[in-house]
Protein backbone atom coordinates (compact mmCIF):
# COMPACT_ATOMS: atom_id res chain seq x y z
CA MET A 1 0.00 0.00 0.00
CA ARG A 2 1.30 3.49 -0.87
CA ASP A 3 0.55 6.50 1.33
CA LYS A 4 0.33 10.16 0.30
CA ARG A 5 4.13 10.56 0.53
CA GLY A 6 4.71 7.58 -1.74
CA VAL A 7 5.87 5.31 1.10
CA ILE A 8 5.18 1.67 0.31
CA GLY A 9 4.60 -1.07 2.85
CA ASP A 10 2.42 -2.53 5.52
CA LEU A 11 3.73 -1.20 8.81
CA THR A 12 2.64 -4.36 10.61
CA ASP A 13 5.14 -6.47 8.63
CA PRO A 14 8.50 -6.44 10.44
CA ALA A 15 10.58 -7.57 7.41
CA PRO A 16 10.99 -4.08 5.87
CA LEU A 17 11.84 -2.75 9.31
CA PHE A 18 14.65 -5.25 9.84
CA ALA A 19 15.84 -4.80 6.26
CA ALA A 20 16.11 -1.05 6.85
CA LEU A 21 17.90 -1.55 10.16
CA GLY A 22 20.26 -4.12 8.62
CA ASP A 23 22.55 -1.46 7.17
CA SER A 24 25.32 -0.05 9.38
CA THR A 25 24.94 3.50 8.07
CA ARG A 26 21.22 3.48 8.77
CA MET A 27 21.86 2.07 12.25
CA ARG A 28 24.28 4.95 12.90
CA ILE A 29 21.58 7.40 11.80
CA VAL A 30 19.05 5.75 14.13
CA ALA A 31 21.56 5.80 16.99
CA ARG A 32 22.30 9.47 16.34
CA LEU A 33 18.58 10.33 16.39
CA CYS A 34 18.15 8.29 19.58
CA GLU A 35 20.98 10.19 21.21
CA ALA A 36 20.34 13.72 19.94
CA GLY A 37 16.63 13.76 19.17
CA PRO A 38 15.19 15.30 16.00
CA LEU A 39 17.87 16.64 13.66
CA SER A 40 18.09 18.44 10.36
CA ILE A 41 19.84 16.84 7.41
CA VAL A 42 22.66 19.37 7.89
CA ARG A 43 23.22 18.21 11.47
CA LEU A 44 22.88 14.54 10.53
CA THR A 45 25.50 14.98 7.82
CA ARG A 46 27.94 16.81 10.08
CA GLY A 47 30.83 14.47 10.91
CA ALA A 48 29.59 11.76 8.55
CA LYS A 49 31.95 10.28 6.00
CA ILE A 50 29.25 10.16 3.33
CA SER A 51 27.47 12.84 1.34
CA ARG A 52 24.26 14.61 2.20
CA GLN A 53 22.64 12.85 -0.76
CA ALA A 54 23.66 9.45 0.65
CA ILE A 55 22.31 10.35 4.09
CA THR A 56 19.06 11.48 2.43
CA LYS A 57 18.78 8.16 0.58
CA HIS A 58 19.24 6.24 3.84
CA LEU A 59 16.67 8.44 5.58
CA ARG A 60 14.15 7.73 2.83
CA THR A 61 14.71 3.99 3.30
CA LEU A 62 14.18 4.36 7.04
CA ALA A 63 11.06 6.46 6.40
CA ALA A 64 9.64 3.86 4.02
CA ALA A 65 10.04 1.29 6.81
CA GLY A 66 8.33 3.62 9.29
CA VAL A 67 11.43 4.12 11.44
CA VAL A 68 11.76 7.88 10.93
CA ARG A 69 9.61 10.73 9.71
CA SER A 70 10.32 14.29 8.75
CA ASP A 71 8.62 17.65 9.00
CA ARG A 72 9.53 20.84 7.23
CA VAL A 73 10.46 23.61 9.65
CA GLY A 74 11.18 26.76 7.71
CA ARG A 75 13.69 25.84 5.01
CA GLU A 76 14.90 22.71 6.78
CA ARG A 77 13.53 19.21 7.00
CA ILE A 78 13.76 17.82 10.55
CA TRP A 79 14.03 14.04 10.95
CA GLU A 80 12.88 12.16 14.03
CA LEU A 81 12.43 8.57 15.13
CA GLN A 82 9.08 6.84 15.15
CA SER A 83 9.32 5.06 18.50
CA ALA A 84 6.30 2.82 17.84
CA ARG A 85 8.16 1.14 14.99
CA LEU A 86 11.18 0.47 17.21
CA VAL A 87 8.87 -0.96 19.87
CA GLN A 88 7.49 -3.28 17.18
CA ALA A 89 11.05 -4.40 16.38
CA ARG A 90 11.65 -5.19 20.04
CA ARG A 91 8.39 -7.15 20.26
CA SER A 92 9.25 -9.12 17.14
CA LEU A 93 12.65 -10.01 18.58
CA GLU A 94 11.07 -10.99 21.90
CA GLN A 95 8.62 -13.26 20.07
CA ILE A 96 11.46 -14.92 18.17
CA SER A 97 13.38 -15.32 21.42
CA ASP A 98 10.36 -16.93 23.12
CA GLN A 99 9.91 -19.33 20.19
CA TRP A 100 13.61 -20.22 20.29
CA ASP A 101 13.46 -20.84 24.04
CA ALA A 102 10.41 -23.11 23.58
CA ALA A 103 12.17 -25.05 20.80
CA LEU A 104 15.26 -25.53 22.98
CA GLU A 105 13.08 -26.70 25.86
CA ARG A 106 11.36 -29.26 23.59
CA LEU A 107 14.77 -30.47 22.41
CA ARG A 108 16.03 -30.76 26.01
CA ALA A 109 12.94 -32.75 27.02
CA PHE A 110 13.31 -35.04 23.99
CA VAL A 111 16.99 -35.72 24.68
CA GLU A 112 16.37 -36.39 28.38
CA LYS A 113 13.49 -38.73 27.56
CA HIS A 114 15.59 -40.76 25.10
CA GLU A 115 18.77 -40.93 27.19
CA HIS A 116 17.46 -43.75 29.35
């Protein structure tokens, strides 16, 4: 589904979220926004070893996954995290962890049952 900004995706599906977070540059952007709060592209680019255009491309990927959003303030675009999407990532990882723990418990029970 495409929204009015042209963003594609179902925000309940965690795959695009993890795909977006799977890039080290995008993770650095997310970490920077976590640490500093909303920032302009100028401030996000400051100290980066990549161009403003590259940062913008990464921000658009993060926006398409619902991780960040931007608002125009005067002549600048301010980028901020969408905490609900990061909460969804945490919940998805917790669910996977719970499933893994249950699988390991079933394996332990099976091995103990068949040892005798």
